[in-house]
Amino acid sequence: MLNIYFHVLDEVTQPIYKELRDWRSKKIKLWFNSADCDRNKIQQRDKCLIDRNVKDDDLFCFLWDIKNTKVVPLYGDGLKHLATWHDTFQKSFICIDRLVPPKNRLVLFRDAVHKEDHPKGFIQVPCFNDLGKLIDYLKNLGFFQFSLENSKRFTKTNFMIQGVPVYQENSTRYYWYLDNFHQTHYEVFDSNGKRHLGEADLDGNLDKNKKDKSKKAIF
């Protein structure tokens, strides 16, 4: 299970939330701040709150600025709760935020003057504000086993659509390409490249209920 936490919901991150919600991957769990859920129309089944009662309220959470090598204040309580989930419950997250740190990585740590065993170490959280970069990161992790570059199943053609290559499935002769606008599904056309057959998710599952006669033919 992949935990994705939205540190803020605004004009930058809302489109990412919408795409992930519409995608409905069973492998992904979306997390939010309670205040954002109150302000935004978050569907009930999406409401997984990062907020929790912290037993060690005397432990403070800090954000390490790797670029300027200094400690900077946290912005909002969400990161404090995220650090608690990570440190206390060993639950890792990917963060979605309006602004992203260098190397797309938040670096947190928990400390207190009277706690001799702290800080125990840095908490590194991948952080993104771009859906394409998030998807690329997940692919590099091996999160998606399906790939159009699987030469046993697909052959790359010389055609390009939306700036991405078109592949032909060897067994069916269907044409596939990644929707470069949404980046969370593939468009699939028949063996003539003219009739839209539906959309496939990033695991390669074709949903023929999503066929669209208005979609432009490949050829």
N, C-alpha and C. Protein backbone atom coordinates (compact mmCIF):
# COMPACT_ATOMS: atom_id res chain seq x y z
N MET A 1 0.85 -1.20 0.00
CA MET A 1 0.00 0.00 0.00
C MET A 1 0.88 1.25 0.00
N LEU A 2 0.56 2.20 -0.86
CA LEU A 2 1.30 3.45 -0.96
C LEU A 2 0.49 4.56 -0.31
N ASN A 3 1.08 5.27 0.65
CA ASN A 3 0.40 6.36 1.35
C ASN A 3 0.83 7.70 0.76
N ILE A 4 -0.13 8.45 0.24
CA ILE A 4 0.14 9.76 -0.35
C ILE A 4 -0.58 10.82 0.48
N TYR A 5 0.21 11.73 1.04
CA TYR A 5 -0.32 12.77 1.93
C TYR A 5 -0.33 14.12 1.22
N PHE A 6 -1.48 14.78 1.21
CA PHE A 6 -1.61 16.13 0.65
C PHE A 6 -1.43 17.14 1.77
N HIS A 7 -0.26 17.79 1.77
CA HIS A 7 0.03 18.77 2.81
C HIS A 7 -0.85 20.00 2.68
N VAL A 8 -1.24 20.30 1.46
CA VAL A 8 -2.15 21.43 1.21
C VAL A 8 -2.98 21.08 -0.02
N LEU A 9 -4.21 21.54 -0.05
CA LEU A 9 -5.06 21.40 -1.22
C LEU A 9 -5.33 22.80 -1.78
N ASP A 10 -4.78 23.09 -2.94
CA ASP A 10 -4.97 24.39 -3.56
C ASP A 10 -4.98 24.21 -5.07
N GLU A 11 -4.81 25.31 -5.81
CA GLU A 11 -4.90 25.23 -7.27
C GLU A 11 -3.78 24.41 -7.89
N VAL A 12 -2.68 24.21 -7.16
CA VAL A 12 -1.57 23.41 -7.66
C VAL A 12 -1.80 21.92 -7.39
N THR A 13 -2.24 21.60 -6.19
CA THR A 13 -2.34 20.19 -5.79
C THR A 13 -3.72 19.57 -6.03
N GLN A 14 -4.76 20.41 -6.15
CA GLN A 14 -6.10 19.87 -6.39
C GLN A 14 -6.17 19.02 -7.65
N PRO A 15 -5.56 19.46 -8.79
CA PRO A 15 -5.60 18.61 -10.00
C PRO A 15 -4.95 17.24 -9.78
N ILE A 16 -3.89 17.18 -8.97
CA ILE A 16 -3.25 15.89 -8.69
C ILE A 16 -4.21 15.01 -7.89
N TYR A 17 -4.87 15.61 -6.89
CA TYR A 17 -5.86 14.86 -6.11
C TYR A 17 -6.96 14.32 -7.01
N LYS A 18 -7.45 15.15 -7.93
CA LYS A 18 -8.53 14.73 -8.82
C LYS A 18 -8.11 13.54 -9.68
N GLU A 19 -6.89 13.60 -10.23
CA GLU A 19 -6.42 12.51 -11.07
C GLU A 19 -6.28 11.22 -10.27
N LEU A 20 -5.71 11.31 -9.07
CA LEU A 20 -5.53 10.12 -8.24
C LEU A 20 -6.87 9.56 -7.78
N ARG A 21 -7.81 10.47 -7.48
CA ARG A 21 -9.15 10.01 -7.06
C ARG A 21 -9.84 9.29 -8.22
N ASP A 22 -9.77 9.89 -9.43
CA ASP A 22 -10.42 9.27 -10.60
C ASP A 22 -9.74 7.96 -10.98
N TRP A 23 -8.46 7.87 -10.69
CA TRP A 23 -7.69 6.68 -11.01
C TRP A 23 -8.17 5.50 -10.15
N ARG A 24 -8.42 5.76 -8.86
CA ARG A 24 -8.98 4.77 -7.94
C ARG A 24 -8.12 3.51 -7.83
N SER A 25 -6.81 3.68 -7.77
CA SER A 25 -5.94 2.53 -7.60
C SER A 25 -6.10 1.96 -6.19
N LYS A 26 -6.28 0.64 -6.09
CA LYS A 26 -6.41 -0.01 -4.79
C LYS A 26 -5.09 -0.04 -4.04
N LYS A 27 -4.00 0.28 -4.73
CA LYS A 27 -2.68 0.26 -4.11
C LYS A 27 -2.34 1.58 -3.43
N ILE A 28 -3.20 2.59 -3.61
CA ILE A 28 -2.89 3.93 -3.11
C ILE A 28 -3.93 4.38 -2.09
N LYS A 29 -3.43 4.92 -0.98
CA LYS A 29 -4.29 5.47 0.06
C LYS A 29 -3.99 6.96 0.18
N LEU A 30 -5.03 7.81 0.10
CA LEU A 30 -4.86 9.25 0.15
C LEU A 30 -5.11 9.77 1.56
N TRP A 31 -4.23 10.67 2.02
CA TRP A 31 -4.30 11.23 3.37
C TRP A 31 -4.41 12.75 3.29
N PHE A 32 -5.14 13.35 4.27
CA PHE A 32 -5.37 14.79 4.26
C PHE A 32 -5.33 15.34 5.69
N ASN A 33 -5.21 16.67 5.78
CA ASN A 33 -5.42 17.36 7.05
C ASN A 33 -6.92 17.52 7.28
N SER A 34 -7.35 17.46 8.52
CA SER A 34 -8.78 17.61 8.81
C SER A 34 -9.30 18.96 8.34
N ALA A 35 -8.49 20.01 8.46
CA ALA A 35 -8.93 21.34 8.04
C ALA A 35 -9.19 21.39 6.53
N ASP A 36 -8.33 20.72 5.75
CA ASP A 36 -8.53 20.69 4.30
C ASP A 36 -9.78 19.91 3.94
N CYS A 37 -10.05 18.85 4.67
CA CYS A 37 -11.27 18.07 4.41
C CYS A 37 -12.51 18.90 4.69
N ASP A 38 -12.43 19.76 5.69
CA ASP A 38 -13.56 20.62 6.03
C ASP A 38 -13.77 21.71 4.97
N ARG A 39 -12.66 22.22 4.43
CA ARG A 39 -12.75 23.31 3.45
C ARG A 39 -13.05 22.84 2.04
N ASN A 40 -12.66 21.62 1.72
CA ASN A 40 -12.80 21.11 0.36
C ASN A 40 -13.79 19.95 0.32
N LYS A 41 -14.30 19.71 -0.86
CA LYS A 41 -15.27 18.63 -1.04
C LYS A 41 -14.52 17.31 -1.23
N ILE A 42 -14.03 16.76 -0.13
CA ILE A 42 -13.34 15.48 -0.17
C ILE A 42 -14.37 14.37 -0.01
N GLN A 43 -14.39 13.42 -0.92
CA GLN A 43 -15.34 12.33 -0.82
C GLN A 43 -15.09 11.53 0.45
N GLN A 44 -16.14 11.05 1.05
CA GLN A 44 -16.04 10.36 2.33
C GLN A 44 -15.07 9.19 2.29
N ARG A 45 -15.07 8.44 1.18
CA ARG A 45 -14.20 7.27 1.10
C ARG A 45 -12.74 7.67 0.93
N ASP A 46 -12.48 8.98 0.64
CA ASP A 46 -11.11 9.47 0.53
C ASP A 46 -10.59 10.00 1.86
N LYS A 47 -11.47 10.16 2.83
CA LYS A 47 -11.07 10.85 4.06
C LYS A 47 -10.23 9.97 4.98
N CYS A 48 -8.94 10.05 4.81
CA CYS A 48 -8.02 9.41 5.73
C CYS A 48 -7.17 10.54 6.30
N LEU A 49 -7.34 10.81 7.58
CA LEU A 49 -6.75 12.00 8.18
C LEU A 49 -5.37 11.72 8.76
N ILE A 50 -4.45 12.64 8.48
CA ILE A 50 -3.10 12.54 9.02
C ILE A 50 -3.08 12.92 10.50
N ASP A 51 -4.06 13.75 10.92
CA ASP A 51 -4.11 14.23 12.31
C ASP A 51 -4.31 13.07 13.28
N ARG A 52 -3.60 13.12 14.35
CA ARG A 52 -3.81 12.13 15.39
C ARG A 52 -3.30 12.69 16.72
N ASN A 53 -3.82 12.16 17.81
CA ASN A 53 -3.34 12.58 19.12
C ASN A 53 -1.93 12.03 19.34
N VAL A 54 -1.01 12.94 19.57
CA VAL A 54 0.39 12.55 19.73
C VAL A 54 0.69 12.39 21.21
N LYS A 55 1.11 11.20 21.63
CA LYS A 55 1.41 10.95 23.04
C LYS A 55 2.62 11.76 23.50
N ASP A 56 3.63 11.85 22.64
CA ASP A 56 4.84 12.58 22.99
C ASP A 56 4.73 14.02 22.51
N ASP A 57 3.82 14.79 23.11
CA ASP A 57 3.67 16.18 22.70
C ASP A 57 4.90 17.01 23.05
N ASP A 58 5.74 16.48 23.91
CA ASP A 58 6.94 17.21 24.27
C ASP A 58 8.06 16.99 23.26
N LEU A 59 7.81 16.15 22.27
CA LEU A 59 8.76 15.98 21.18
C LEU A 59 8.42 16.97 20.08
N PHE A 60 9.39 17.77 19.69
CA PHE A 60 9.16 18.76 18.64
C PHE A 60 9.65 18.22 17.31
N CYS A 61 8.98 18.64 16.26
CA CYS A 61 9.36 18.22 14.92
C CYS A 61 9.98 19.40 14.17
N PHE A 62 11.04 19.13 13.43
CA PHE A 62 11.76 20.18 12.72
C PHE A 62 11.94 19.79 11.25
N LEU A 63 12.07 20.81 10.42
CA LEU A 63 12.31 20.63 8.99
C LEU A 63 13.74 21.07 8.68
N TRP A 64 14.49 20.19 8.05
CA TRP A 64 15.88 20.49 7.71
C TRP A 64 15.94 21.00 6.27
N ASP A 65 16.48 22.20 6.10
CA ASP A 65 16.66 22.81 4.79
C ASP A 65 18.00 22.33 4.23
N ILE A 66 17.94 21.34 3.33
CA ILE A 66 19.16 20.73 2.84
C ILE A 66 19.96 21.68 1.94
N LYS A 67 19.25 22.64 1.31
CA LYS A 67 19.93 23.56 0.41
C LYS A 67 20.77 24.58 1.19
N ASN A 68 20.21 25.11 2.27
CA ASN A 68 20.91 26.13 3.05
C ASN A 68 21.50 25.59 4.34
N THR A 69 21.41 24.26 4.51
CA THR A 69 21.94 23.56 5.69
C THR A 69 21.56 24.26 6.99
N LYS A 70 20.26 24.35 7.22
CA LYS A 70 19.77 24.95 8.47
C LYS A 70 18.40 24.39 8.79
N VAL A 71 18.01 24.58 10.04
CA VAL A 71 16.68 24.15 10.50
C VAL A 71 15.70 25.30 10.27
N VAL A 72 14.56 24.97 9.68
CA VAL A 72 13.55 26.00 9.42
C VAL A 72 12.24 25.57 10.07
N PRO A 73 11.36 26.52 10.40
CA PRO A 73 10.09 26.18 11.05
C PRO A 73 9.20 25.33 10.15
N LEU A 74 8.41 24.48 10.76
CA LEU A 74 7.41 23.72 10.02
C LEU A 74 6.29 24.67 9.59
N TYR A 75 5.69 24.38 8.46
CA TYR A 75 4.53 25.16 8.04
C TYR A 75 3.29 24.28 8.16
N GLY A 76 2.52 24.52 9.22
CA GLY A 76 1.34 23.71 9.49
C GLY A 76 1.68 22.50 10.33
N ASP A 77 0.65 21.92 10.97
CA ASP A 77 0.85 20.77 11.86
C ASP A 77 0.94 19.44 11.11
N GLY A 78 0.58 19.47 9.82
CA GLY A 78 0.52 18.21 9.08
C GLY A 78 1.82 17.44 9.07
N LEU A 79 2.94 18.14 8.90
CA LEU A 79 4.23 17.46 8.85
C LEU A 79 4.60 16.87 10.20
N LYS A 80 4.16 17.52 11.28
CA LYS A 80 4.39 16.97 12.62
C LYS A 80 3.70 15.62 12.76
N HIS A 81 2.46 15.56 12.29
CA HIS A 81 1.72 14.30 12.36
C HIS A 81 2.33 13.26 11.43
N LEU A 82 2.75 13.71 10.25
CA LEU A 82 3.38 12.78 9.31
C LEU A 82 4.64 12.16 9.93
N ALA A 83 5.44 13.00 10.59
CA ALA A 83 6.65 12.50 11.24
C ALA A 83 6.31 11.49 12.34
N THR A 84 5.20 11.72 13.05
CA THR A 84 4.78 10.80 14.09
C THR A 84 4.39 9.45 13.51
N TRP A 85 3.64 9.47 12.42
CA TRP A 85 3.26 8.22 11.76
C TRP A 85 4.51 7.45 11.33
N HIS A 86 5.47 8.19 10.79
CA HIS A 86 6.69 7.55 10.28
C HIS A 86 7.54 7.01 11.43
N ASP A 87 7.76 7.85 12.44
CA ASP A 87 8.69 7.52 13.51
C ASP A 87 8.11 6.51 14.51
N THR A 88 6.85 6.68 14.84
CA THR A 88 6.23 5.85 15.86
C THR A 88 5.58 4.58 15.29
N PHE A 89 4.98 4.72 14.11
CA PHE A 89 4.22 3.60 13.56
C PHE A 89 4.85 2.99 12.30
N GLN A 90 6.05 3.49 11.94
CA GLN A 90 6.79 2.97 10.78
C GLN A 90 5.95 2.94 9.51
N LYS A 91 5.18 3.99 9.31
CA LYS A 91 4.38 4.10 8.09
C LYS A 91 5.00 5.19 7.21
N SER A 92 5.44 4.84 6.03
CA SER A 92 6.10 5.79 5.14
C SER A 92 5.08 6.48 4.23
N PHE A 93 5.43 7.69 3.79
CA PHE A 93 4.53 8.51 2.98
C PHE A 93 5.27 9.14 1.81
N ILE A 94 4.47 9.52 0.82
CA ILE A 94 4.90 10.46 -0.22
C ILE A 94 4.06 11.71 0.00
N CYS A 95 4.68 12.87 -0.05
CA CYS A 95 4.00 14.13 0.22
C CYS A 95 3.70 14.87 -1.08
N ILE A 96 2.51 15.44 -1.17
CA ILE A 96 2.14 16.34 -2.27
C ILE A 96 2.01 17.73 -1.67
N ASP A 97 2.73 18.69 -2.24
CA ASP A 97 2.72 20.04 -1.68
C ASP A 97 2.80 21.06 -2.81
N ARG A 98 2.44 22.29 -2.50
CA ARG A 98 2.50 23.36 -3.50
C ARG A 98 3.95 23.64 -3.90
N LEU A 99 4.82 23.77 -2.91
CA LEU A 99 6.24 24.00 -3.14
C LEU A 99 6.99 22.72 -2.77
N VAL A 100 8.03 22.42 -3.50
CA VAL A 100 8.79 21.21 -3.21
C VAL A 100 10.23 21.58 -2.89
N PRO A 101 10.88 20.82 -2.01
CA PRO A 101 12.25 21.09 -1.62
C PRO A 101 13.24 20.58 -2.66
N PRO A 102 14.52 20.89 -2.50
CA PRO A 102 15.54 20.35 -3.41
C PRO A 102 15.49 18.82 -3.43
N LYS A 103 15.75 18.28 -4.60
CA LYS A 103 15.76 16.82 -4.81
C LYS A 103 14.41 16.18 -4.54
N ASN A 104 13.34 17.01 -4.51
CA ASN A 104 11.99 16.49 -4.25
C ASN A 104 11.96 15.65 -2.97
N ARG A 105 12.59 16.20 -1.92
CA ARG A 105 12.69 15.42 -0.68
C ARG A 105 12.59 16.32 0.53
N LEU A 106 11.56 16.06 1.35
CA LEU A 106 11.45 16.71 2.65
C LEU A 106 12.32 15.94 3.65
N VAL A 107 13.03 16.68 4.50
CA VAL A 107 13.85 16.05 5.53
C VAL A 107 13.39 16.56 6.89
N LEU A 108 12.85 15.66 7.72
CA LEU A 108 12.32 16.01 9.03
C LEU A 108 13.10 15.27 10.12
N PHE A 109 13.04 15.81 11.33
CA PHE A 109 13.54 15.06 12.49
C PHE A 109 12.80 15.52 13.73
N ARG A 110 12.75 14.63 14.74
CA ARG A 110 12.06 14.91 16.00
C ARG A 110 13.09 14.98 17.12
N ASP A 111 12.94 16.00 17.98
CA ASP A 111 13.94 16.20 19.02
C ASP A 111 13.32 16.92 20.21
N ALA A 112 13.98 16.86 21.33
CA ALA A 112 13.61 17.59 22.54
C ALA A 112 14.84 17.63 23.44
N VAL A 113 15.01 18.73 24.19
CA VAL A 113 16.20 18.92 25.01
C VAL A 113 16.35 17.81 26.04
N HIS A 114 15.24 17.37 26.62
CA HIS A 114 15.30 16.40 27.70
C HIS A 114 15.27 14.95 27.21
N LYS A 115 15.26 14.74 25.90
CA LYS A 115 15.23 13.38 25.36
C LYS A 115 16.64 13.01 24.88
N GLU A 116 17.35 12.25 25.69
CA GLU A 116 18.72 11.91 25.35
C GLU A 116 18.83 10.99 24.14
N ASP A 117 17.79 10.22 23.86
CA ASP A 117 17.85 9.29 22.73
C ASP A 117 17.35 9.92 21.43
N HIS A 118 17.16 11.25 21.45
CA HIS A 118 16.71 11.95 20.24
C HIS A 118 17.74 13.01 19.85
N PRO A 119 17.84 13.39 18.57
CA PRO A 119 17.09 12.81 17.44
C PRO A 119 17.60 11.42 17.08
N LYS A 120 16.67 10.60 16.68
CA LYS A 120 17.03 9.23 16.30
C LYS A 120 17.50 9.14 14.86
N GLY A 121 17.22 10.16 14.09
CA GLY A 121 17.63 10.14 12.69
C GLY A 121 16.70 10.99 11.85
N PHE A 122 17.10 11.21 10.60
CA PHE A 122 16.31 12.00 9.68
C PHE A 122 15.17 11.16 9.10
N ILE A 123 14.04 11.81 8.88
CA ILE A 123 12.91 11.21 8.20
C ILE A 123 12.84 11.83 6.81
N GLN A 124 13.09 11.04 5.80
CA GLN A 124 13.11 11.56 4.43
C GLN A 124 11.81 11.20 3.72
N VAL A 125 11.14 12.23 3.22
CA VAL A 125 9.83 12.05 2.60
C VAL A 125 9.87 12.58 1.17
N PRO A 126 9.68 11.72 0.16
CA PRO A 126 9.60 12.21 -1.22
C PRO A 126 8.45 13.21 -1.34
N CYS A 127 8.67 14.30 -2.07
CA CYS A 127 7.67 15.38 -2.15
C CYS A 127 7.56 15.87 -3.58
N PHE A 128 6.31 16.01 -4.07
CA PHE A 128 6.08 16.38 -5.47
C PHE A 128 4.94 17.39 -5.58
N ASN A 129 4.98 18.19 -6.64
CA ASN A 129 3.84 19.03 -7.00
C ASN A 129 3.49 18.87 -8.46
N ASP A 130 3.99 17.79 -9.06
CA ASP A 130 3.76 17.52 -10.47
C ASP A 130 3.41 16.03 -10.62
N LEU A 131 2.26 15.76 -11.23
CA LEU A 131 1.79 14.38 -11.34
C LEU A 131 2.74 13.53 -12.17
N GLY A 132 3.27 14.09 -13.26
CA GLY A 132 4.18 13.34 -14.11
C GLY A 132 5.42 12.88 -13.36
N LYS A 133 5.99 13.77 -12.55
CA LYS A 133 7.18 13.41 -11.78
C LYS A 133 6.85 12.37 -10.72
N LEU A 134 5.65 12.47 -10.15
CA LEU A 134 5.22 11.47 -9.17
C LEU A 134 5.11 10.09 -9.83
N ILE A 135 4.48 10.04 -11.01
CA ILE A 135 4.33 8.77 -11.72
C ILE A 135 5.69 8.19 -12.09
N ASP A 136 6.61 9.05 -12.56
CA ASP A 136 7.95 8.59 -12.91
C ASP A 136 8.66 8.01 -11.69
N TYR A 137 8.49 8.67 -10.54
CA TYR A 137 9.10 8.18 -9.30
C TYR A 137 8.56 6.80 -8.95
N LEU A 138 7.24 6.63 -9.08
CA LEU A 138 6.63 5.34 -8.75
C LEU A 138 7.09 4.26 -9.71
N LYS A 139 7.25 4.62 -10.98
CA LYS A 139 7.73 3.64 -11.96
C LYS A 139 9.15 3.21 -11.63
N ASN A 140 9.98 4.17 -11.21
CA ASN A 140 11.37 3.84 -10.84
C ASN A 140 11.42 2.94 -9.62
N LEU A 141 10.41 3.04 -8.76
CA LEU A 141 10.32 2.17 -7.60
C LEU A 141 9.86 0.76 -7.97
N GLY A 142 9.41 0.61 -9.22
CA GLY A 142 8.85 -0.67 -9.63
C GLY A 142 7.42 -0.84 -9.18
N PHE A 143 6.77 0.29 -8.89
CA PHE A 143 5.39 0.23 -8.41
C PHE A 143 4.45 -0.34 -9.47
N PHE A 144 4.73 -0.01 -10.73
CA PHE A 144 3.94 -0.52 -11.85
C PHE A 144 4.77 -1.56 -12.60
N GLN A 145 4.28 -2.78 -12.66
CA GLN A 145 4.98 -3.84 -13.37
C GLN A 145 4.71 -3.77 -14.87
N PHE A 146 3.56 -3.21 -15.24
CA PHE A 146 3.17 -3.12 -16.64
C PHE A 146 3.98 -2.04 -17.34
N SER A 147 4.41 -2.33 -18.57
CA SER A 147 5.16 -1.33 -19.34
C SER A 147 4.97 -1.58 -20.83
N LEU A 148 4.76 -0.49 -21.56
CA LEU A 148 4.66 -0.60 -23.02
C LEU A 148 6.01 -0.96 -23.63
N GLU A 149 7.06 -0.80 -22.87
CA GLU A 149 8.40 -1.12 -23.37
C GLU A 149 8.74 -2.59 -23.22
N ASN A 150 7.77 -3.38 -22.78
CA ASN A 150 7.95 -4.82 -22.70
C ASN A 150 7.94 -5.40 -24.12
N SER A 151 9.11 -5.69 -24.64
CA SER A 151 9.24 -6.08 -26.05
C SER A 151 8.60 -7.43 -26.36
N LYS A 152 8.34 -8.22 -25.32
CA LYS A 152 7.67 -9.50 -25.55
C LYS A 152 6.18 -9.30 -25.85
N ARG A 153 5.65 -8.19 -25.37
CA ARG A 153 4.22 -7.95 -25.56
C ARG A 153 3.93 -6.84 -26.57
N PHE A 154 4.83 -5.83 -26.65
CA PHE A 154 4.58 -4.68 -27.51
C PHE A 154 5.75 -4.42 -28.46
N THR A 155 5.41 -3.80 -29.58
CA THR A 155 6.42 -3.33 -30.53
C THR A 155 6.25 -1.83 -30.71
N LYS A 156 7.32 -1.08 -30.54
CA LYS A 156 7.26 0.37 -30.68
C LYS A 156 7.14 0.74 -32.15
N THR A 157 6.18 1.60 -32.48
CA THR A 157 5.99 2.05 -33.86
C THR A 157 6.74 3.36 -34.07
N ASN A 158 6.66 3.87 -35.29
CA ASN A 158 7.29 5.15 -35.61
C ASN A 158 6.34 6.33 -35.40
N PHE A 159 5.13 6.05 -34.90
CA PHE A 159 4.12 7.09 -34.73
C PHE A 159 4.22 7.74 -33.35
N MET A 160 3.88 9.01 -33.31
CA MET A 160 3.86 9.77 -32.06
C MET A 160 2.51 10.46 -31.92
N ILE A 161 1.97 10.47 -30.70
CA ILE A 161 0.74 11.21 -30.38
C ILE A 161 0.96 11.91 -29.05
N GLN A 162 0.59 13.19 -29.01
CA GLN A 162 0.77 13.99 -27.79
C GLN A 162 2.23 14.00 -27.33
N GLY A 163 3.13 13.79 -28.27
CA GLY A 163 4.55 13.80 -27.95
C GLY A 163 5.06 12.50 -27.36
N VAL A 164 4.22 11.45 -27.34
CA VAL A 164 4.65 10.16 -26.80
C VAL A 164 4.54 9.10 -27.90
N PRO A 165 5.37 8.06 -27.85
CA PRO A 165 5.34 7.02 -28.88
C PRO A 165 4.11 6.12 -28.78
N VAL A 166 3.72 5.58 -29.91
CA VAL A 166 2.61 4.63 -29.99
C VAL A 166 3.19 3.23 -30.09
N TYR A 167 2.61 2.29 -29.34
CA TYR A 167 3.06 0.90 -29.34
C TYR A 167 1.95 0.01 -29.88
N GLN A 168 2.35 -1.10 -30.53
CA GLN A 168 1.37 -2.07 -31.02
C GLN A 168 1.51 -3.36 -30.24
N GLU A 169 0.37 -3.84 -29.73
CA GLU A 169 0.37 -5.08 -28.97
C GLU A 169 0.53 -6.25 -29.93
N ASN A 170 1.48 -7.10 -29.67
CA ASN A 170 1.82 -8.17 -30.61
C ASN A 170 0.69 -9.17 -30.81
N SER A 171 -0.03 -9.51 -29.77
CA SER A 171 -1.07 -10.55 -29.86
C SER A 171 -2.35 -10.04 -30.50
N THR A 172 -2.78 -8.84 -30.15
CA THR A 172 -4.07 -8.31 -30.64
C THR A 172 -3.90 -7.34 -31.80
N ARG A 173 -2.69 -6.82 -31.96
CA ARG A 173 -2.38 -5.76 -32.94
C ARG A 173 -3.02 -4.42 -32.56
N TYR A 174 -3.53 -4.31 -31.32
CA TYR A 174 -4.10 -3.05 -30.84
C TYR A 174 -2.97 -2.04 -30.67
N TYR A 175 -3.34 -0.76 -30.78
CA TYR A 175 -2.39 0.33 -30.60
C TYR A 175 -2.60 0.98 -29.23
N TRP A 176 -1.51 1.18 -28.52
CA TRP A 176 -1.53 1.76 -27.18
C TRP A 176 -0.62 2.97 -27.11
N TYR A 177 -1.04 3.97 -26.34
CA TYR A 177 -0.12 5.06 -25.99
C TYR A 177 -0.56 5.67 -24.66
N LEU A 178 0.41 6.23 -23.94
CA LEU A 178 0.14 6.87 -22.66
C LEU A 178 -0.53 8.22 -22.88
N ASP A 179 -1.65 8.45 -22.23
CA ASP A 179 -2.28 9.77 -22.28
C ASP A 179 -1.34 10.76 -21.60
N ASN A 180 -0.72 11.62 -22.39
CA ASN A 180 0.33 12.49 -21.87
C ASN A 180 -0.22 13.70 -21.12
N PHE A 181 -1.54 13.88 -21.16
CA PHE A 181 -2.15 14.99 -20.42
C PHE A 181 -2.45 14.56 -18.99
N HIS A 182 -3.12 13.41 -18.84
CA HIS A 182 -3.46 12.92 -17.51
C HIS A 182 -2.36 12.04 -16.92
N GLN A 183 -1.71 11.24 -17.76
CA GLN A 183 -0.60 10.37 -17.37
C GLN A 183 -0.98 9.27 -16.39
N THR A 184 -2.27 9.04 -16.21
CA THR A 184 -2.70 7.97 -15.31
C THR A 184 -3.43 6.86 -16.06
N HIS A 185 -3.41 6.89 -17.39
CA HIS A 185 -4.02 5.81 -18.16
C HIS A 185 -3.46 5.78 -19.58
N TYR A 186 -3.73 4.67 -20.25
CA TYR A 186 -3.34 4.50 -21.65
C TYR A 186 -4.58 4.54 -22.53
N GLU A 187 -4.42 5.11 -23.72
CA GLU A 187 -5.49 5.06 -24.72
C GLU A 187 -5.23 3.83 -25.60
N VAL A 188 -6.29 3.09 -25.90
CA VAL A 188 -6.16 1.86 -26.69
C VAL A 188 -7.08 1.93 -27.90
N PHE A 189 -6.50 1.66 -29.09
CA PHE A 189 -7.25 1.67 -30.35
C PHE A 189 -7.16 0.30 -31.02
N ASP A 190 -8.09 0.05 -31.94
CA ASP A 190 -8.12 -1.25 -32.61
C ASP A 190 -6.93 -1.43 -33.54
N SER A 191 -6.86 -2.58 -34.21
CA SER A 191 -5.70 -2.93 -35.03
C SER A 191 -5.55 -2.05 -36.27
N ASN A 192 -6.59 -1.29 -36.58
CA ASN A 192 -6.50 -0.34 -37.69
C ASN A 192 -6.12 1.06 -37.21
N GLY A 193 -6.10 1.23 -35.89
CA GLY A 193 -5.74 2.53 -35.32
C GLY A 193 -6.82 3.57 -35.47
N LYS A 194 -8.05 3.15 -35.73
CA LYS A 194 -9.12 4.11 -36.01
C LYS A 194 -10.22 4.10 -34.94
N ARG A 195 -10.50 2.96 -34.36
CA ARG A 195 -11.61 2.85 -33.40
C ARG A 195 -11.07 2.79 -31.98
N HIS A 196 -11.53 3.72 -31.15
CA HIS A 196 -11.10 3.75 -29.76
C HIS A 196 -11.78 2.63 -28.99
N LEU A 197 -10.97 1.79 -28.31
CA LEU A 197 -11.51 0.63 -27.61
C LEU A 197 -11.75 0.86 -26.13
N GLY A 198 -11.07 1.87 -25.57
CA GLY A 198 -11.21 2.15 -24.15
C GLY A 198 -9.92 2.66 -23.55
N GLU A 199 -9.87 2.69 -22.23
CA GLU A 199 -8.68 3.14 -21.51
C GLU A 199 -8.15 2.00 -20.66
N ALA A 200 -6.84 1.97 -20.51
CA ALA A 200 -6.20 0.98 -19.63
C ALA A 200 -5.51 1.72 -18.50
N ASP A 201 -5.58 1.16 -17.29
CA ASP A 201 -4.90 1.79 -16.17
C ASP A 201 -3.40 1.52 -16.24
N LEU A 202 -2.65 2.05 -15.28
CA LEU A 202 -1.20 1.93 -15.33
C LEU A 202 -0.72 0.51 -15.03
N ASP A 203 -1.64 -0.37 -14.67
CA ASP A 203 -1.30 -1.78 -14.52
C ASP A 203 -1.64 -2.58 -15.78
N GLY A 204 -2.14 -1.85 -16.82
CA GLY A 204 -2.41 -2.49 -18.10
C GLY A 204 -3.77 -3.14 -18.23
N ASN A 205 -4.70 -2.83 -17.33
CA ASN A 205 -6.04 -3.41 -17.39
C ASN A 205 -6.94 -2.55 -18.26
N LEU A 206 -7.42 -3.12 -19.36
CA LEU A 206 -8.24 -2.38 -20.31
C LEU A 206 -9.69 -2.32 -19.86
N ASP A 207 -10.24 -1.11 -19.80
CA ASP A 207 -11.65 -0.90 -19.45
C ASP A 207 -12.39 -0.46 -20.70
N LYS A 208 -13.11 -1.39 -21.32
CA LYS A 208 -13.81 -1.09 -22.57
C LYS A 208 -15.05 -0.22 -22.35
N ASN A 209 -15.46 -0.06 -21.09
CA ASN A 209 -16.58 0.84 -20.80
C ASN A 209 -16.19 2.30 -21.02
N LYS A 210 -14.88 2.55 -21.15
CA LYS A 210 -14.40 3.92 -21.34
C LYS A 210 -14.07 4.22 -22.80
N LYS A 211 -14.61 3.41 -23.71
CA LYS A 211 -14.39 3.72 -25.14
C LYS A 211 -15.12 4.99 -25.50
N ASP A 212 -14.51 5.75 -26.40
CA ASP A 212 -15.03 7.08 -26.74
C ASP A 212 -14.94 7.26 -28.25
N LYS A 213 -16.09 7.30 -28.92
CA LYS A 213 -16.13 7.42 -30.38
C LYS A 213 -15.56 8.76 -30.86
N SER A 214 -15.55 9.74 -29.99
CA SER A 214 -15.09 11.07 -30.39
C SER A 214 -13.57 11.21 -30.37
N LYS A 215 -12.87 10.22 -29.82
CA LYS A 215 -11.41 10.32 -29.73
C LYS A 215 -10.79 10.12 -31.10
N LYS A 216 -9.84 10.98 -31.39
CA LYS A 216 -9.22 11.02 -32.71
C LYS A 216 -8.45 9.74 -33.02
N ALA A 217 -8.64 9.23 -34.23
CA ALA A 217 -7.95 8.02 -34.64
C ALA A 217 -6.45 8.27 -34.76
N ILE A 218 -5.68 7.21 -34.60
CA ILE A 218 -4.22 7.32 -34.70
C ILE A 218 -3.81 7.58 -36.16
N PHE A 219 -4.48 6.89 -37.09
CA PHE A 219 -4.13 7.03 -38.52
C PHE A 219 -5.26 7.71 -39.29
